[in-house]
Amino acid sequence: MKSPEKSTEKTPTTNEPFAFSAANLETYKELLTRYDDVESALLPVLHLAQEQTGWLAENVITYISNLMSIPEIKIKEVISFYDMFYDVPVGRNIVQVCTNISCSMFGGREIYQGLLKHFDTGYLTPTRDGRISLQKMECLGACELAPCMRVNDDFVAITDLTSAIHKLEELP
């Protein structure tokens, strides 16, 4: 499978029409060949759309619904079930902070709250400069790094709030 075409600009509103780019439409067609039925391809198609737009707005959901002949409500159920899909605008960098027992024992919850305060933001709300969205996670499955966070696709061991802030201040 080709890498999805990533847009440098996120879809800012749900009023604008959405369509896959030519490259992503080809990727979509290729994805369908891997599954026995179209609904089985929904997760990778949602990933593809989110990579193109940054988040899954109403216009994106409608497009996918029409393209795949899947009811919008079913697509919204899938989006709301998985933490990896966003139905709200998010920052350029997604920062997930683990707050489960292993990470919490080493300050994970306090680090998450401290990051919210430092960056003056809320859950998944982009920072004023649009660089970062913070997400509290129940478990990142990296207890050996406790406390830890995932910055986009990279796991990061953090020792305290100061090290977490320093790491995030380096993000583009």
N, C-alpha and C. Protein backbone atom coordinates (compact mmCIF):
# COMPACT_ATOMS: atom_id res chain seq x y z
N MET A 1 0.84 -1.17 0.00
CA MET A 1 0.00 0.00 0.00
C MET A 1 0.89 1.24 0.00
N LYS A 2 0.55 2.20 -0.81
CA LYS A 2 1.26 3.46 -0.84
C LYS A 2 0.97 4.22 0.45
N SER A 3 1.89 5.10 0.82
CA SER A 3 1.64 5.96 1.97
C SER A 3 0.51 6.92 1.62
N PRO A 4 -0.39 7.17 2.58
CA PRO A 4 -1.47 8.11 2.31
C PRO A 4 -0.91 9.50 2.07
N GLU A 5 -1.60 10.23 1.24
CA GLU A 5 -1.18 11.61 0.97
C GLU A 5 -1.61 12.47 2.13
N LYS A 6 -0.64 13.11 2.76
CA LYS A 6 -0.93 13.96 3.90
C LYS A 6 -1.06 15.39 3.44
N SER A 7 -2.10 16.02 3.91
CA SER A 7 -2.34 17.41 3.58
C SER A 7 -1.58 18.29 4.54
N THR A 8 -1.04 19.38 4.06
CA THR A 8 -0.37 20.33 4.93
C THR A 8 -1.37 21.23 5.60
N GLU A 9 -2.57 21.31 5.08
CA GLU A 9 -3.63 22.11 5.69
C GLU A 9 -4.75 21.19 6.13
N LYS A 10 -5.21 21.39 7.34
CA LYS A 10 -6.31 20.61 7.88
C LYS A 10 -7.63 21.22 7.40
N THR A 11 -8.65 20.38 7.29
CA THR A 11 -9.97 20.89 6.93
C THR A 11 -10.49 21.71 8.10
N PRO A 12 -10.66 23.02 7.95
CA PRO A 12 -11.01 23.85 9.08
C PRO A 12 -12.48 23.79 9.52
N THR A 13 -13.38 23.49 8.62
CA THR A 13 -14.79 23.47 9.00
C THR A 13 -15.47 22.27 8.38
N THR A 14 -16.67 22.02 8.84
CA THR A 14 -17.45 20.91 8.26
C THR A 14 -18.32 21.39 7.11
N ASN A 15 -18.26 22.68 6.77
CA ASN A 15 -19.08 23.21 5.68
C ASN A 15 -18.45 22.99 4.31
N GLU A 16 -17.15 22.79 4.29
CA GLU A 16 -16.46 22.61 3.02
C GLU A 16 -16.66 21.19 2.53
N PRO A 17 -16.81 21.01 1.22
CA PRO A 17 -16.93 19.64 0.70
C PRO A 17 -15.61 18.90 0.89
N PHE A 18 -15.71 17.62 1.13
CA PHE A 18 -14.52 16.79 1.29
C PHE A 18 -14.53 15.70 0.24
N ALA A 19 -13.36 15.37 -0.24
CA ALA A 19 -13.16 14.21 -1.10
C ALA A 19 -11.72 13.75 -0.91
N PHE A 20 -11.51 12.47 -1.07
CA PHE A 20 -10.14 11.98 -1.03
C PHE A 20 -9.34 12.61 -2.16
N SER A 21 -8.08 12.86 -1.90
CA SER A 21 -7.17 13.29 -2.98
C SER A 21 -7.09 12.14 -3.98
N ALA A 22 -6.58 12.42 -5.15
CA ALA A 22 -6.46 11.37 -6.18
C ALA A 22 -5.62 10.20 -5.66
N ALA A 23 -4.53 10.51 -4.99
CA ALA A 23 -3.66 9.45 -4.46
C ALA A 23 -4.38 8.64 -3.38
N ASN A 24 -5.10 9.33 -2.50
CA ASN A 24 -5.81 8.61 -1.44
C ASN A 24 -7.00 7.83 -1.97
N LEU A 25 -7.61 8.29 -3.06
CA LEU A 25 -8.69 7.52 -3.67
C LEU A 25 -8.15 6.21 -4.23
N GLU A 26 -6.97 6.26 -4.80
CA GLU A 26 -6.32 5.03 -5.28
C GLU A 26 -5.99 4.11 -4.11
N THR A 27 -5.50 4.69 -3.02
CA THR A 27 -5.20 3.89 -1.83
C THR A 27 -6.48 3.26 -1.29
N TYR A 28 -7.57 4.02 -1.28
CA TYR A 28 -8.87 3.51 -0.84
C TYR A 28 -9.26 2.28 -1.68
N LYS A 29 -9.16 2.41 -2.99
CA LYS A 29 -9.53 1.29 -3.88
C LYS A 29 -8.66 0.07 -3.60
N GLU A 30 -7.39 0.30 -3.33
CA GLU A 30 -6.49 -0.81 -3.03
C GLU A 30 -6.85 -1.45 -1.69
N LEU A 31 -7.23 -0.63 -0.72
CA LEU A 31 -7.64 -1.16 0.58
C LEU A 31 -8.83 -2.10 0.45
N LEU A 32 -9.79 -1.75 -0.39
CA LEU A 32 -10.99 -2.58 -0.56
C LEU A 32 -10.65 -3.98 -1.07
N THR A 33 -9.56 -4.12 -1.80
CA THR A 33 -9.20 -5.44 -2.33
C THR A 33 -8.71 -6.39 -1.24
N ARG A 34 -8.40 -5.86 -0.08
CA ARG A 34 -7.87 -6.68 1.02
C ARG A 34 -8.95 -7.31 1.89
N TYR A 35 -10.20 -6.91 1.70
CA TYR A 35 -11.27 -7.34 2.59
C TYR A 35 -12.41 -7.99 1.81
N ASP A 36 -13.08 -8.92 2.49
CA ASP A 36 -14.20 -9.62 1.87
C ASP A 36 -15.43 -8.73 1.69
N ASP A 37 -15.60 -7.78 2.60
CA ASP A 37 -16.72 -6.86 2.47
C ASP A 37 -16.25 -5.45 2.80
N VAL A 38 -16.99 -4.48 2.32
CA VAL A 38 -16.57 -3.08 2.42
C VAL A 38 -16.49 -2.60 3.87
N GLU A 39 -17.39 -3.06 4.74
CA GLU A 39 -17.38 -2.61 6.13
C GLU A 39 -16.10 -3.00 6.86
N SER A 40 -15.50 -4.09 6.46
CA SER A 40 -14.25 -4.53 7.09
C SER A 40 -13.11 -3.56 6.84
N ALA A 41 -13.23 -2.75 5.81
CA ALA A 41 -12.19 -1.78 5.48
C ALA A 41 -12.39 -0.44 6.18
N LEU A 42 -13.41 -0.31 7.02
CA LEU A 42 -13.73 0.98 7.61
C LEU A 42 -12.58 1.57 8.43
N LEU A 43 -11.94 0.79 9.29
CA LEU A 43 -10.87 1.35 10.12
C LEU A 43 -9.72 1.92 9.29
N PRO A 44 -9.18 1.19 8.34
CA PRO A 44 -8.11 1.79 7.55
C PRO A 44 -8.58 2.98 6.71
N VAL A 45 -9.83 2.98 6.29
CA VAL A 45 -10.35 4.12 5.52
C VAL A 45 -10.47 5.34 6.43
N LEU A 46 -10.89 5.14 7.67
CA LEU A 46 -10.95 6.26 8.62
C LEU A 46 -9.56 6.81 8.89
N HIS A 47 -8.59 5.93 9.03
CA HIS A 47 -7.19 6.38 9.20
C HIS A 47 -6.76 7.21 8.00
N LEU A 48 -7.06 6.74 6.82
CA LEU A 48 -6.69 7.43 5.59
C LEU A 48 -7.29 8.83 5.55
N ALA A 49 -8.57 8.93 5.87
CA ALA A 49 -9.25 10.23 5.87
C ALA A 49 -8.67 11.15 6.93
N GLN A 50 -8.42 10.61 8.12
CA GLN A 50 -7.88 11.44 9.19
C GLN A 50 -6.47 11.92 8.87
N GLU A 51 -5.69 11.10 8.21
CA GLU A 51 -4.34 11.53 7.81
C GLU A 51 -4.41 12.66 6.78
N GLN A 52 -5.44 12.66 5.97
CA GLN A 52 -5.58 13.71 4.97
C GLN A 52 -6.08 15.02 5.59
N THR A 53 -6.98 14.91 6.57
CA THR A 53 -7.63 16.12 7.08
C THR A 53 -7.21 16.53 8.49
N GLY A 54 -6.65 15.61 9.25
CA GLY A 54 -6.28 15.91 10.63
C GLY A 54 -7.32 15.48 11.64
N TRP A 55 -8.59 15.43 11.22
CA TRP A 55 -9.66 14.98 12.10
C TRP A 55 -10.85 14.57 11.23
N LEU A 56 -11.84 13.94 11.84
CA LEU A 56 -12.96 13.41 11.08
C LEU A 56 -14.21 14.26 11.30
N ALA A 57 -14.30 15.32 10.53
CA ALA A 57 -15.42 16.25 10.61
C ALA A 57 -16.67 15.62 9.98
N GLU A 58 -17.80 16.26 10.18
CA GLU A 58 -19.08 15.77 9.63
C GLU A 58 -19.01 15.56 8.12
N ASN A 59 -18.37 16.50 7.41
CA ASN A 59 -18.30 16.36 5.95
C ASN A 59 -17.47 15.16 5.54
N VAL A 60 -16.48 14.81 6.33
CA VAL A 60 -15.65 13.64 6.05
C VAL A 60 -16.46 12.37 6.30
N ILE A 61 -17.19 12.36 7.40
CA ILE A 61 -18.03 11.20 7.74
C ILE A 61 -19.10 10.99 6.67
N THR A 62 -19.71 12.06 6.21
CA THR A 62 -20.72 11.95 5.15
C THR A 62 -20.11 11.40 3.87
N TYR A 63 -18.94 11.89 3.51
CA TYR A 63 -18.25 11.40 2.32
C TYR A 63 -17.97 9.90 2.42
N ILE A 64 -17.43 9.48 3.55
CA ILE A 64 -17.11 8.06 3.73
C ILE A 64 -18.38 7.23 3.73
N SER A 65 -19.43 7.73 4.36
CA SER A 65 -20.71 7.04 4.37
C SER A 65 -21.22 6.81 2.95
N ASN A 66 -21.19 7.85 2.14
CA ASN A 66 -21.65 7.73 0.75
C ASN A 66 -20.73 6.83 -0.07
N LEU A 67 -19.44 6.98 0.14
CA LEU A 67 -18.46 6.20 -0.61
C LEU A 67 -18.57 4.70 -0.33
N MET A 68 -18.76 4.37 0.95
CA MET A 68 -18.75 2.97 1.37
C MET A 68 -20.14 2.38 1.58
N SER A 69 -21.19 3.20 1.44
CA SER A 69 -22.57 2.76 1.68
C SER A 69 -22.73 2.19 3.10
N ILE A 70 -22.17 2.93 4.06
CA ILE A 70 -22.30 2.59 5.47
C ILE A 70 -23.03 3.75 6.14
N PRO A 71 -24.04 3.48 6.95
CA PRO A 71 -24.76 4.58 7.61
C PRO A 71 -23.82 5.45 8.45
N GLU A 72 -24.06 6.74 8.42
CA GLU A 72 -23.22 7.67 9.18
C GLU A 72 -23.18 7.31 10.66
N ILE A 73 -24.29 6.89 11.22
CA ILE A 73 -24.33 6.56 12.65
C ILE A 73 -23.37 5.42 12.97
N LYS A 74 -23.25 4.47 12.08
CA LYS A 74 -22.34 3.34 12.31
C LYS A 74 -20.89 3.84 12.30
N ILE A 75 -20.58 4.76 11.40
CA ILE A 75 -19.24 5.32 11.33
C ILE A 75 -18.95 6.13 12.59
N LYS A 76 -19.93 6.90 13.06
CA LYS A 76 -19.74 7.70 14.28
C LYS A 76 -19.55 6.79 15.50
N GLU A 77 -20.23 5.66 15.52
CA GLU A 77 -20.05 4.70 16.62
C GLU A 77 -18.61 4.19 16.65
N VAL A 78 -18.06 3.88 15.50
CA VAL A 78 -16.68 3.41 15.41
C VAL A 78 -15.72 4.51 15.86
N ILE A 79 -15.94 5.72 15.38
CA ILE A 79 -15.07 6.85 15.73
C ILE A 79 -15.09 7.09 17.24
N SER A 80 -16.27 7.04 17.84
CA SER A 80 -16.37 7.31 19.28
C SER A 80 -15.80 6.17 20.12
N PHE A 81 -15.73 4.97 19.59
CA PHE A 81 -15.21 3.82 20.33
C PHE A 81 -13.69 3.86 20.45
N TYR A 82 -13.01 4.28 19.39
CA TYR A 82 -11.54 4.23 19.36
C TYR A 82 -10.92 5.58 19.72
N ASP A 83 -9.90 5.54 20.59
CA ASP A 83 -9.18 6.75 20.99
C ASP A 83 -8.30 7.31 19.87
N MET A 84 -8.10 6.54 18.82
CA MET A 84 -7.19 6.98 17.75
C MET A 84 -7.87 7.84 16.70
N PHE A 85 -9.18 7.98 16.79
CA PHE A 85 -9.91 8.82 15.84
C PHE A 85 -10.42 10.07 16.56
N TYR A 86 -10.38 11.18 15.86
CA TYR A 86 -10.77 12.46 16.45
C TYR A 86 -11.91 13.08 15.66
N ASP A 87 -13.00 13.39 16.37
CA ASP A 87 -14.14 14.04 15.73
C ASP A 87 -14.20 15.53 16.09
N VAL A 88 -13.09 16.02 16.59
CA VAL A 88 -12.90 17.45 16.87
C VAL A 88 -11.55 17.86 16.29
N PRO A 89 -11.37 19.14 15.96
CA PRO A 89 -10.06 19.57 15.46
C PRO A 89 -9.00 19.37 16.53
N VAL A 90 -7.84 18.92 16.11
CA VAL A 90 -6.74 18.68 17.05
C VAL A 90 -5.48 19.39 16.55
N GLY A 91 -4.52 19.51 17.45
CA GLY A 91 -3.26 20.15 17.12
C GLY A 91 -2.42 19.31 16.17
N ARG A 92 -1.33 19.89 15.69
CA ARG A 92 -0.43 19.18 14.77
C ARG A 92 0.22 17.97 15.43
N ASN A 93 0.40 18.04 16.74
CA ASN A 93 1.02 16.95 17.49
C ASN A 93 0.04 16.46 18.54
N ILE A 94 -0.22 15.16 18.53
CA ILE A 94 -1.09 14.54 19.52
C ILE A 94 -0.19 13.98 20.62
N VAL A 95 -0.44 14.41 21.84
CA VAL A 95 0.33 13.95 22.98
C VAL A 95 -0.60 13.19 23.91
N GLN A 96 -0.35 11.90 24.03
CA GLN A 96 -1.16 11.04 24.90
C GLN A 96 -0.35 10.75 26.16
N VAL A 97 -0.93 11.06 27.31
CA VAL A 97 -0.25 10.85 28.58
C VAL A 97 -0.94 9.71 29.31
N CYS A 98 -0.17 8.70 29.68
CA CYS A 98 -0.72 7.55 30.38
C CYS A 98 -1.01 7.92 31.83
N THR A 99 -2.21 7.55 32.29
CA THR A 99 -2.60 7.81 33.67
C THR A 99 -3.06 6.53 34.37
N ASN A 100 -2.72 5.37 33.81
CA ASN A 100 -3.09 4.11 34.43
C ASN A 100 -2.22 3.88 35.66
N ILE A 101 -2.45 2.79 36.37
CA ILE A 101 -1.85 2.58 37.69
C ILE A 101 -0.33 2.68 37.69
N SER A 102 0.35 2.01 36.76
CA SER A 102 1.83 2.05 36.77
C SER A 102 2.34 3.46 36.57
N CYS A 103 1.78 4.16 35.61
CA CYS A 103 2.23 5.53 35.35
C CYS A 103 1.77 6.48 36.46
N SER A 104 0.58 6.26 36.99
CA SER A 104 0.09 7.12 38.07
C SER A 104 0.94 7.00 39.32
N MET A 105 1.43 5.80 39.60
CA MET A 105 2.30 5.61 40.76
C MET A 105 3.57 6.45 40.65
N PHE A 106 3.95 6.78 39.42
CA PHE A 106 5.15 7.57 39.19
C PHE A 106 4.83 8.99 38.74
N GLY A 107 3.58 9.43 38.93
CA GLY A 107 3.23 10.81 38.67
C GLY A 107 2.52 11.10 37.36
N GLY A 108 2.04 10.09 36.66
CA GLY A 108 1.40 10.29 35.35
C GLY A 108 0.21 11.24 35.38
N ARG A 109 -0.64 11.10 36.38
CA ARG A 109 -1.83 11.98 36.46
C ARG A 109 -1.43 13.42 36.73
N GLU A 110 -0.45 13.59 37.62
CA GLU A 110 0.02 14.94 37.94
C GLU A 110 0.72 15.57 36.74
N ILE A 111 1.45 14.76 35.99
CA ILE A 111 2.10 15.26 34.78
C ILE A 111 1.06 15.72 33.77
N TYR A 112 0.01 14.92 33.57
CA TYR A 112 -1.05 15.30 32.63
C TYR A 112 -1.69 16.61 33.07
N GLN A 113 -2.07 16.73 34.33
CA GLN A 113 -2.70 17.95 34.83
C GLN A 113 -1.74 19.14 34.71
N GLY A 114 -0.46 18.91 34.98
CA GLY A 114 0.53 19.98 34.87
C GLY A 114 0.70 20.45 33.43
N LEU A 115 0.65 19.51 32.48
CA LEU A 115 0.76 19.88 31.07
C LEU A 115 -0.45 20.70 30.63
N LEU A 116 -1.63 20.30 31.06
CA LEU A 116 -2.84 21.07 30.74
C LEU A 116 -2.69 22.51 31.23
N LYS A 117 -2.21 22.65 32.44
CA LYS A 117 -2.05 23.98 33.03
C LYS A 117 -0.95 24.76 32.32
N HIS A 118 0.20 24.12 32.09
CA HIS A 118 1.33 24.81 31.45
C HIS A 118 0.96 25.31 30.06
N PHE A 119 0.28 24.48 29.28
CA PHE A 119 -0.06 24.85 27.91
C PHE A 119 -1.42 25.56 27.82
N ASP A 120 -2.07 25.78 28.96
CA ASP A 120 -3.33 26.50 29.04
C ASP A 120 -4.35 25.95 28.04
N THR A 121 -4.61 24.65 28.16
CA THR A 121 -5.50 23.98 27.23
C THR A 121 -6.34 22.94 27.97
N GLY A 122 -7.20 22.26 27.25
CA GLY A 122 -8.03 21.20 27.82
C GLY A 122 -7.86 19.92 27.02
N TYR A 123 -8.61 18.91 27.42
CA TYR A 123 -8.55 17.61 26.76
C TYR A 123 -8.79 17.76 25.26
N LEU A 124 -7.81 17.37 24.46
CA LEU A 124 -7.82 17.40 23.00
C LEU A 124 -7.98 18.79 22.38
N THR A 125 -8.07 19.82 23.19
CA THR A 125 -8.19 21.18 22.67
C THR A 125 -6.81 21.64 22.21
N PRO A 126 -6.68 22.05 20.96
CA PRO A 126 -5.35 22.49 20.49
C PRO A 126 -4.87 23.71 21.29
N THR A 127 -3.55 23.76 21.50
CA THR A 127 -2.97 24.94 22.12
C THR A 127 -3.21 26.13 21.20
N ARG A 128 -3.04 27.33 21.72
CA ARG A 128 -3.33 28.54 20.94
C ARG A 128 -2.56 28.58 19.62
N ASP A 129 -1.34 28.04 19.63
CA ASP A 129 -0.53 28.05 18.41
C ASP A 129 -0.82 26.85 17.51
N GLY A 130 -1.73 25.97 17.94
CA GLY A 130 -2.12 24.82 17.13
C GLY A 130 -1.11 23.69 17.11
N ARG A 131 -0.07 23.77 17.94
CA ARG A 131 0.98 22.74 17.90
C ARG A 131 0.60 21.45 18.61
N ILE A 132 -0.15 21.53 19.70
CA ILE A 132 -0.30 20.38 20.58
C ILE A 132 -1.75 20.19 21.01
N SER A 133 -2.18 18.93 21.04
CA SER A 133 -3.41 18.52 21.70
C SER A 133 -3.04 17.45 22.71
N LEU A 134 -3.49 17.60 23.94
CA LEU A 134 -3.20 16.65 25.01
C LEU A 134 -4.37 15.70 25.21
N GLN A 135 -4.04 14.43 25.38
CA GLN A 135 -5.07 13.40 25.56
C GLN A 135 -4.67 12.50 26.72
N LYS A 136 -5.55 12.41 27.70
CA LYS A 136 -5.35 11.51 28.83
C LYS A 136 -5.71 10.10 28.37
N MET A 137 -4.81 9.16 28.60
CA MET A 137 -5.03 7.78 28.16
C MET A 137 -5.06 6.86 29.36
N GLU A 138 -5.95 5.90 29.31
CA GLU A 138 -6.03 4.93 30.41
C GLU A 138 -4.79 4.05 30.43
N CYS A 139 -4.29 3.64 29.29
CA CYS A 139 -3.08 2.82 29.25
C CYS A 139 -2.46 2.89 27.87
N LEU A 140 -1.17 3.09 27.82
CA LEU A 140 -0.46 3.09 26.55
C LEU A 140 0.28 1.77 26.31
N GLY A 141 0.20 0.86 27.28
CA GLY A 141 0.84 -0.45 27.12
C GLY A 141 2.36 -0.37 27.14
N ALA A 142 2.90 0.59 27.86
CA ALA A 142 4.36 0.76 27.94
C ALA A 142 4.76 0.96 29.40
N CYS A 143 4.30 0.06 30.26
CA CYS A 143 4.53 0.19 31.70
C CYS A 143 6.02 0.24 32.05
N GLU A 144 6.84 -0.38 31.23
CA GLU A 144 8.28 -0.36 31.51
C GLU A 144 8.88 1.04 31.39
N LEU A 145 8.15 1.98 30.77
CA LEU A 145 8.62 3.36 30.61
C LEU A 145 7.98 4.30 31.63
N ALA A 146 7.18 3.77 32.53
CA ALA A 146 6.37 4.60 33.44
C ALA A 146 7.21 5.64 34.18
N PRO A 147 6.70 6.87 34.25
CA PRO A 147 5.52 7.37 33.54
C PRO A 147 5.87 7.64 32.09
N CYS A 148 4.91 7.50 31.21
CA CYS A 148 5.22 7.68 29.80
C CYS A 148 4.13 8.46 29.08
N MET A 149 4.50 8.92 27.91
CA MET A 149 3.54 9.56 27.02
C MET A 149 3.90 9.15 25.60
N ARG A 150 2.94 9.29 24.73
CA ARG A 150 3.19 9.03 23.31
C ARG A 150 3.01 10.36 22.60
N VAL A 151 4.04 10.74 21.87
CA VAL A 151 4.00 11.97 21.09
C VAL A 151 3.90 11.55 19.64
N ASN A 152 2.73 11.77 19.06
CA ASN A 152 2.40 11.27 17.72
C ASN A 152 2.56 9.76 17.74
N ASP A 153 3.55 9.20 17.09
CA ASP A 153 3.71 7.74 17.07
C ASP A 153 4.87 7.25 17.91
N ASP A 154 5.50 8.13 18.68
CA ASP A 154 6.69 7.76 19.44
C ASP A 154 6.42 7.73 20.94
N PHE A 155 6.81 6.64 21.57
CA PHE A 155 6.71 6.54 23.03
C PHE A 155 7.87 7.29 23.65
N VAL A 156 7.57 8.02 24.72
CA VAL A 156 8.58 8.84 25.39
C VAL A 156 8.51 8.56 26.89
N ALA A 157 9.64 8.13 27.45
CA ALA A 157 9.71 7.99 28.90
C ALA A 157 9.95 9.38 29.47
N ILE A 158 9.19 9.73 30.48
CA ILE A 158 9.35 11.04 31.11
C ILE A 158 9.59 10.82 32.60
N THR A 159 10.39 11.66 33.19
CA THR A 159 10.68 11.48 34.61
C THR A 159 9.82 12.38 35.49
N ASP A 160 9.44 13.52 34.94
CA ASP A 160 8.64 14.46 35.72
C ASP A 160 8.02 15.49 34.78
N LEU A 161 7.27 16.42 35.35
CA LEU A 161 6.59 17.43 34.57
C LEU A 161 7.58 18.29 33.79
N THR A 162 8.68 18.63 34.40
CA THR A 162 9.68 19.48 33.73
C THR A 162 10.22 18.81 32.48
N SER A 163 10.52 17.51 32.55
CA SER A 163 11.05 16.81 31.37
C SER A 163 9.98 16.69 30.29
N ALA A 164 8.72 16.52 30.71
CA ALA A 164 7.62 16.44 29.74
C ALA A 164 7.45 17.78 29.02
N ILE A 165 7.46 18.86 29.78
CA ILE A 165 7.34 20.20 29.17
C ILE A 165 8.48 20.44 28.21
N HIS A 166 9.70 20.12 28.62
CA HIS A 166 10.87 20.33 27.76
C HIS A 166 10.72 19.57 26.45
N LYS A 167 10.28 18.33 26.53
CA LYS A 167 10.10 17.51 25.32
C LYS A 167 9.06 18.14 24.40
N LEU A 168 7.96 18.60 24.96
CA LEU A 168 6.88 19.15 24.14
C LEU A 168 7.22 20.54 23.59
N GLU A 169 8.03 21.29 24.29
CA GLU A 169 8.44 22.60 23.79
C GLU A 169 9.28 22.48 22.52
N GLU A 170 9.89 21.32 22.30
CA GLU A 170 10.72 21.07 21.13
C GLU A 170 9.91 20.75 19.87
N LEU A 171 8.63 20.46 20.04
CA LEU A 171 7.80 20.05 18.90
C LEU A 171 7.58 21.20 17.92
N PRO A 172 7.51 20.85 16.63
CA PRO A 172 7.26 21.90 15.62
C PRO A 172 5.84 22.45 15.69
